[in-house]
């Protein structure tokens, strides 16, 4: 399996693994997951890594139906400005390839913020650590495992 799945198993949290055939031509990994798994895209959260104030990498999780607000994630992380992180830095620090970055089981555990909309859902889907593999779990369990805080992150 993946380090993300191992982390969920070791913690003993309730979760379900969902696998689908990833199409390498697909650019929207979260949208592809929702379509192939037949679930509401608002329940699929994409894992985005940003650089806050030019020094700290921070993970933001938002539904694939929305855009991450750089202003809101910077504020939630205690900073002033955020930009998308360099893809090579993301892969080096998390141990995952883009499109398969999981908030769980990262090589270097990064500060994590989950969009507050997750609180309204019983379970959400996140990348389990590779393209074509999702893990479904309760938002509270994800927050506990990652040490995440919940805050509004969606761009208006």
C-alpha atoms as a PDB file:
ATOM      1  CA  UNK A   1       0.000   0.000   0.000  1.00  0.00           C
ATOM      2  CA  UNK A   2       1.087   3.605   0.618  1.00  0.00           C
ATOM      3  CA  UNK A   3       2.438   5.507   3.649  1.00  0.00           C
ATOM      4  CA  UNK A   4      -0.923   7.335   3.819  1.00  0.00           C
ATOM      5  CA  UNK A   5      -2.893   4.106   4.104  1.00  0.00           C
ATOM      6  CA  UNK A   6      -0.360   2.736   6.587  1.00  0.00           C
ATOM      7  CA  UNK A   7      -0.818   5.848   8.744  1.00  0.00           C
ATOM      8  CA  UNK A   8      -4.605   5.360   8.837  1.00  0.00           C
ATOM      9  CA  UNK A   9      -4.248   1.662   9.638  1.00  0.00           C
ATOM     10  CA  UNK A  10      -1.675   2.209  12.388  1.00  0.00           C
ATOM     11  CA  UNK A  11      -3.926   4.841  13.990  1.00  0.00           C
ATOM     12  CA  UNK A  12      -6.824   2.386  13.949  1.00  0.00           C
ATOM     13  CA  UNK A  13      -9.238   4.833  12.382  1.00  0.00           C
ATOM     14  CA  UNK A  14     -12.189   3.745  10.315  1.00  0.00           C
ATOM     15  CA  UNK A  15     -11.493   4.215   6.606  1.00  0.00           C
ATOM     16  CA  UNK A  16     -12.272   2.743   3.199  1.00  0.00           C
ATOM     17  CA  UNK A  17      -9.878   2.458   0.260  1.00  0.00           C
ATOM     18  CA  UNK A  18     -11.232   3.200  -3.220  1.00  0.00           C
ATOM     19  CA  UNK A  19      -9.218   2.348  -6.306  1.00  0.00           C
ATOM     20  CA  UNK A  20      -9.929   3.269  -9.912  1.00  0.00           C
ATOM     21  CA  UNK A  21      -8.114   3.120 -13.219  1.00  0.00           C
ATOM     22  CA  UNK A  22      -6.293   6.454 -13.557  1.00  0.00           C
ATOM     23  CA  UNK A  23      -6.268   7.935 -17.058  1.00  0.00           C
ATOM     24  CA  UNK A  24      -2.835   9.508 -17.629  1.00  0.00           C
ATOM     25  CA  UNK A  25      -4.440  12.052 -19.984  1.00  0.00           C
ATOM     26  CA  UNK A  26      -6.584  13.415 -17.130  1.00  0.00           C
ATOM     27  CA  UNK A  27      -5.332  16.672 -15.624  1.00  0.00           C
ATOM     28  CA  UNK A  28      -8.055  17.079 -12.975  1.00  0.00           C
ATOM     29  CA  UNK A  29      -7.179  14.262 -10.577  1.00  0.00           C
ATOM     30  CA  UNK A  30      -9.921  15.034  -8.047  1.00  0.00           C
ATOM     31  CA  UNK A  31     -12.580  15.471 -10.722  1.00  0.00           C
ATOM     32  CA  UNK A  32     -11.490  12.179 -12.268  1.00  0.00           C
ATOM     33  CA  UNK A  33     -11.752  10.439  -8.879  1.00  0.00           C
ATOM     34  CA  UNK A  34     -15.286  11.761  -8.297  1.00  0.00           C
ATOM     35  CA  UNK A  35     -16.419  10.730 -11.769  1.00  0.00           C
ATOM     36  CA  UNK A  36     -14.870   7.261 -11.736  1.00  0.00           C
ATOM     37  CA  UNK A  37     -16.025   6.511  -8.185  1.00  0.00           C
ATOM     38  CA  UNK A  38     -19.510   7.929  -8.823  1.00  0.00           C
ATOM     39  CA  UNK A  39     -19.487  10.306  -5.855  1.00  0.00           C
ATOM     40  CA  UNK A  40     -20.387  13.946  -5.295  1.00  0.00           C
ATOM     41  CA  UNK A  41     -17.279  16.022  -6.175  1.00  0.00           C
ATOM     42  CA  UNK A  42     -17.909  18.191  -3.091  1.00  0.00           C
ATOM     43  CA  UNK A  43     -16.819  15.149  -1.008  1.00  0.00           C
ATOM     44  CA  UNK A  44     -13.482  14.783  -2.824  1.00  0.00           C
ATOM     45  CA  UNK A  45     -10.817  17.052  -1.339  1.00  0.00           C
ATOM     46  CA  UNK A  46      -7.679  17.970  -3.238  1.00  0.00           C
ATOM     47  CA  UNK A  47      -4.377  18.249  -1.422  1.00  0.00           C
ATOM     48  CA  UNK A  48      -2.578  21.465  -2.355  1.00  0.00           C
ATOM     49  CA  UNK A  49       0.769  22.572  -0.964  1.00  0.00           C
ATOM     50  CA  UNK A  50       1.581  26.259  -0.664  1.00  0.00           C
ATOM     51  CA  UNK A  51       4.584  28.267   0.471  1.00  0.00           C
ATOM     52  CA  UNK A  52       3.613  30.727   3.208  1.00  0.00           C
ATOM     53  CA  UNK A  53       5.653  33.892   3.657  1.00  0.00           C
ATOM     54  CA  UNK A  54       8.428  32.431   1.510  1.00  0.00           C
ATOM     55  CA  UNK A  55       9.489  29.900   4.141  1.00  0.00           C
ATOM     56  CA  UNK A  56       6.877  27.384   5.343  1.00  0.00           C
ATOM     57  CA  UNK A  57       5.201  24.675   3.276  1.00  0.00           C
ATOM     58  CA  UNK A  58       1.561  24.235   4.272  1.00  0.00           C
ATOM     59  CA  UNK A  59      -1.031  21.728   3.056  1.00  0.00           C
ATOM     60  CA  UNK A  60      -4.496  23.002   2.211  1.00  0.00           C
ATOM     61  CA  UNK A  61      -7.401  20.629   1.566  1.00  0.00           C
ATOM     62  CA  UNK A  62     -10.379  21.967  -0.375  1.00  0.00           C
ATOM     63  CA  UNK A  63     -13.189  20.313  -2.341  1.00  0.00           C
ATOM     64  CA  UNK A  64     -12.305  19.723  -5.986  1.00  0.00           C
ATOM     65  CA  UNK A  65     -15.328  21.891  -6.819  1.00  0.00           C
ATOM     66  CA  UNK A  66     -13.583  24.996  -5.445  1.00  0.00           C
ATOM     67  CA  UNK A  67     -10.394  27.029  -5.629  1.00  0.00           C
ATOM     68  CA  UNK A  68      -7.986  27.513  -2.742  1.00  0.00           C
ATOM     69  CA  UNK A  69      -7.808  31.114  -1.517  1.00  0.00           C
ATOM     70  CA  UNK A  70      -4.161  32.078  -1.015  1.00  0.00           C
ATOM     71  CA  UNK A  71      -5.188  34.856   1.346  1.00  0.00           C
ATOM     72  CA  UNK A  72      -7.275  32.514   3.533  1.00  0.00           C
ATOM     73  CA  UNK A  73      -4.681  29.736   3.757  1.00  0.00           C
ATOM     74  CA  UNK A  74      -1.947  32.229   4.606  1.00  0.00           C
ATOM     75  CA  UNK A  75      -4.133  33.635   7.387  1.00  0.00           C
ATOM     76  CA  UNK A  76      -5.044  30.141   8.672  1.00  0.00           C
ATOM     77  CA  UNK A  77      -1.335  29.238   8.753  1.00  0.00           C
ATOM     78  CA  UNK A  78      -0.472  32.399  10.695  1.00  0.00           C
ATOM     79  CA  UNK A  79       1.153  34.163   7.749  1.00  0.00           C
ATOM     80  CA  UNK A  80       0.501  37.024   5.389  1.00  0.00           C
ATOM     81  CA  UNK A  81       1.099  35.675   1.876  1.00  0.00           C
ATOM     82  CA  UNK A  82       0.897  32.289   0.183  1.00  0.00           C
ATOM     83  CA  UNK A  83       1.843  31.028  -3.273  1.00  0.00           C
ATOM     84  CA  UNK A  84       1.699  27.557  -4.777  1.00  0.00           C
ATOM     85  CA  UNK A  85       4.790  25.610  -3.724  1.00  0.00           C
ATOM     86  CA  UNK A  86       7.429  24.451  -6.180  1.00  0.00           C
ATOM     87  CA  UNK A  87       6.402  20.961  -7.418  1.00  0.00           C
ATOM     88  CA  UNK A  88       9.871  19.522  -6.774  1.00  0.00           C
ATOM     89  CA  UNK A  89       9.845  20.836  -3.198  1.00  0.00           C
ATOM     90  CA  UNK A  90       6.403  19.274  -2.709  1.00  0.00           C
ATOM     91  CA  UNK A  91       7.560  15.871  -3.977  1.00  0.00           C
ATOM     92  CA  UNK A  92      10.804  15.995  -1.971  1.00  0.00           C
ATOM     93  CA  UNK A  93       9.127  17.011   1.314  1.00  0.00           C
ATOM     94  CA  UNK A  94       6.023  14.809   1.082  1.00  0.00           C
ATOM     95  CA  UNK A  95       7.461  11.783  -0.709  1.00  0.00           C
ATOM     96  CA  UNK A  96       4.504  11.781  -3.116  1.00  0.00           C
ATOM     97  CA  UNK A  97       4.134  12.618  -6.816  1.00  0.00           C
ATOM     98  CA  UNK A  98       1.815  15.443  -7.851  1.00  0.00           C
ATOM     99  CA  UNK A  99      -1.722  14.192  -8.346  1.00  0.00           C
ATOM    100  CA  UNK A 100      -1.094  11.652  -5.613  1.00  0.00           C
ATOM    101  CA  UNK A 101      -0.052  13.861  -2.696  1.00  0.00           C
ATOM    102  CA  UNK A 102      -1.751  12.680   0.464  1.00  0.00           C
ATOM    103  CA  UNK A 103      -2.015  14.667   3.685  1.00  0.00           C
ATOM    104  CA  UNK A 104      -1.289  11.363   5.471  1.00  0.00           C
ATOM    105  CA  UNK A 105       2.059   9.604   5.751  1.00  0.00           C
ATOM    106  CA  UNK A 106       4.184  12.439   4.411  1.00  0.00           C
ATOM    107  CA  UNK A 107       7.958  12.091   4.558  1.00  0.00           C
ATOM    108  CA  UNK A 108       8.070  15.429   6.390  1.00  0.00           C
ATOM    109  CA  UNK A 109       4.792  16.162   8.157  1.00  0.00           C
ATOM    110  CA  UNK A 110       3.612  19.554   6.975  1.00  0.00           C
ATOM    111  CA  UNK A 111       1.228  21.933   8.754  1.00  0.00           C
ATOM    112  CA  UNK A 112      -2.244  21.120   7.426  1.00  0.00           C
ATOM    113  CA  UNK A 113      -5.464  23.123   7.115  1.00  0.00           C
ATOM    114  CA  UNK A 114      -8.753  21.526   6.037  1.00  0.00           C
ATOM    115  CA  UNK A 115     -11.521  23.648   4.541  1.00  0.00           C
ATOM    116  CA  UNK A 116     -14.318  24.125   7.074  1.00  0.00           C
ATOM    117  CA  UNK A 117     -16.885  22.706   4.614  1.00  0.00           C
ATOM    118  CA  UNK A 118     -15.591  19.239   5.557  1.00  0.00           C
ATOM    119  CA  UNK A 119     -17.349  19.545   8.932  1.00  0.00           C
ATOM    120  CA  UNK A 120     -20.740  19.205   7.250  1.00  0.00           C
ATOM    121  CA  UNK A 121     -19.823  15.808   5.762  1.00  0.00           C
ATOM    122  CA  UNK A 122     -19.766  12.381   7.443  1.00  0.00           C
ATOM    123  CA  UNK A 123     -16.802  11.294   5.318  1.00  0.00           C
ATOM    124  CA  UNK A 124     -14.529  12.854   2.720  1.00  0.00           C
ATOM    125  CA  UNK A 125     -12.256  11.376   0.075  1.00  0.00           C
ATOM    126  CA  UNK A 126      -8.576  12.328  -0.121  1.00  0.00           C
ATOM    127  CA  UNK A 127      -5.640  10.979  -2.059  1.00  0.00           C
ATOM    128  CA  UNK A 128      -4.274   7.828  -0.481  1.00  0.00           C
ATOM    129  CA  UNK A 129      -0.827   8.479  -1.902  1.00  0.00           C
ATOM    130  CA  UNK A 130      -0.946   7.683  -5.585  1.00  0.00           C
ATOM    131  CA  UNK A 131      -3.032   8.535  -8.606  1.00  0.00           C
ATOM    132  CA  UNK A 132      -6.076   6.278  -8.833  1.00  0.00           C
ATOM    133  CA  UNK A 133      -6.217   5.589  -5.090  1.00  0.00           C
ATOM    134  CA  UNK A 134      -8.461   7.434  -2.621  1.00  0.00           C
ATOM    135  CA  UNK A 135      -9.065   6.962   1.081  1.00  0.00           C
ATOM    136  CA  UNK A 136     -12.467   7.770   2.575  1.00  0.00           C
ATOM    137  CA  UNK A 137     -12.517   8.824   6.211  1.00  0.00           C
ATOM    138  CA  UNK A 138     -14.231  11.133   8.684  1.00  0.00           C
ATOM    139  CA  UNK A 139     -12.980  14.742   8.599  1.00  0.00           C
ATOM    140  CA  UNK A 140     -12.385  14.675  12.375  1.00  0.00           C
ATOM    141  CA  UNK A 141     -10.173  11.585  12.004  1.00  0.00           C
ATOM    142  CA  UNK A 142      -8.197  13.292   9.243  1.00  0.00           C
ATOM    143  CA  UNK A 143      -7.753  16.402  11.387  1.00  0.00           C
ATOM    144  CA  UNK A 144      -6.615  14.264  14.316  1.00  0.00           C
ATOM    145  CA  UNK A 145      -4.122  12.260  12.230  1.00  0.00           C
ATOM    146  CA  UNK A 146      -2.571  15.311  10.592  1.00  0.00           C
ATOM    147  CA  UNK A 147      -2.828  17.746  13.490  1.00  0.00           C
ATOM    148  CA  UNK A 148      -4.861  19.938  11.126  1.00  0.00           C
ATOM    149  CA  UNK A 149      -7.073  22.835  11.910  1.00  0.00           C
ATOM    150  CA  UNK A 150     -10.313  23.533  10.076  1.00  0.00           C
ATOM    151  CA  UNK A 151     -10.799  26.974   8.565  1.00  0.00           C
ATOM    152  CA  UNK A 152     -12.507  28.570   5.575  1.00  0.00           C
ATOM    153  CA  UNK A 153     -10.162  28.142   2.590  1.00  0.00           C
ATOM    154  CA  UNK A 154     -12.364  28.460  -0.488  1.00  0.00           C
ATOM    155  CA  UNK A 155     -11.934  31.394  -2.822  1.00  0.00           C
ATOM    156  CA  UNK A 156     -15.111  33.453  -3.059  1.00  0.00           C
END
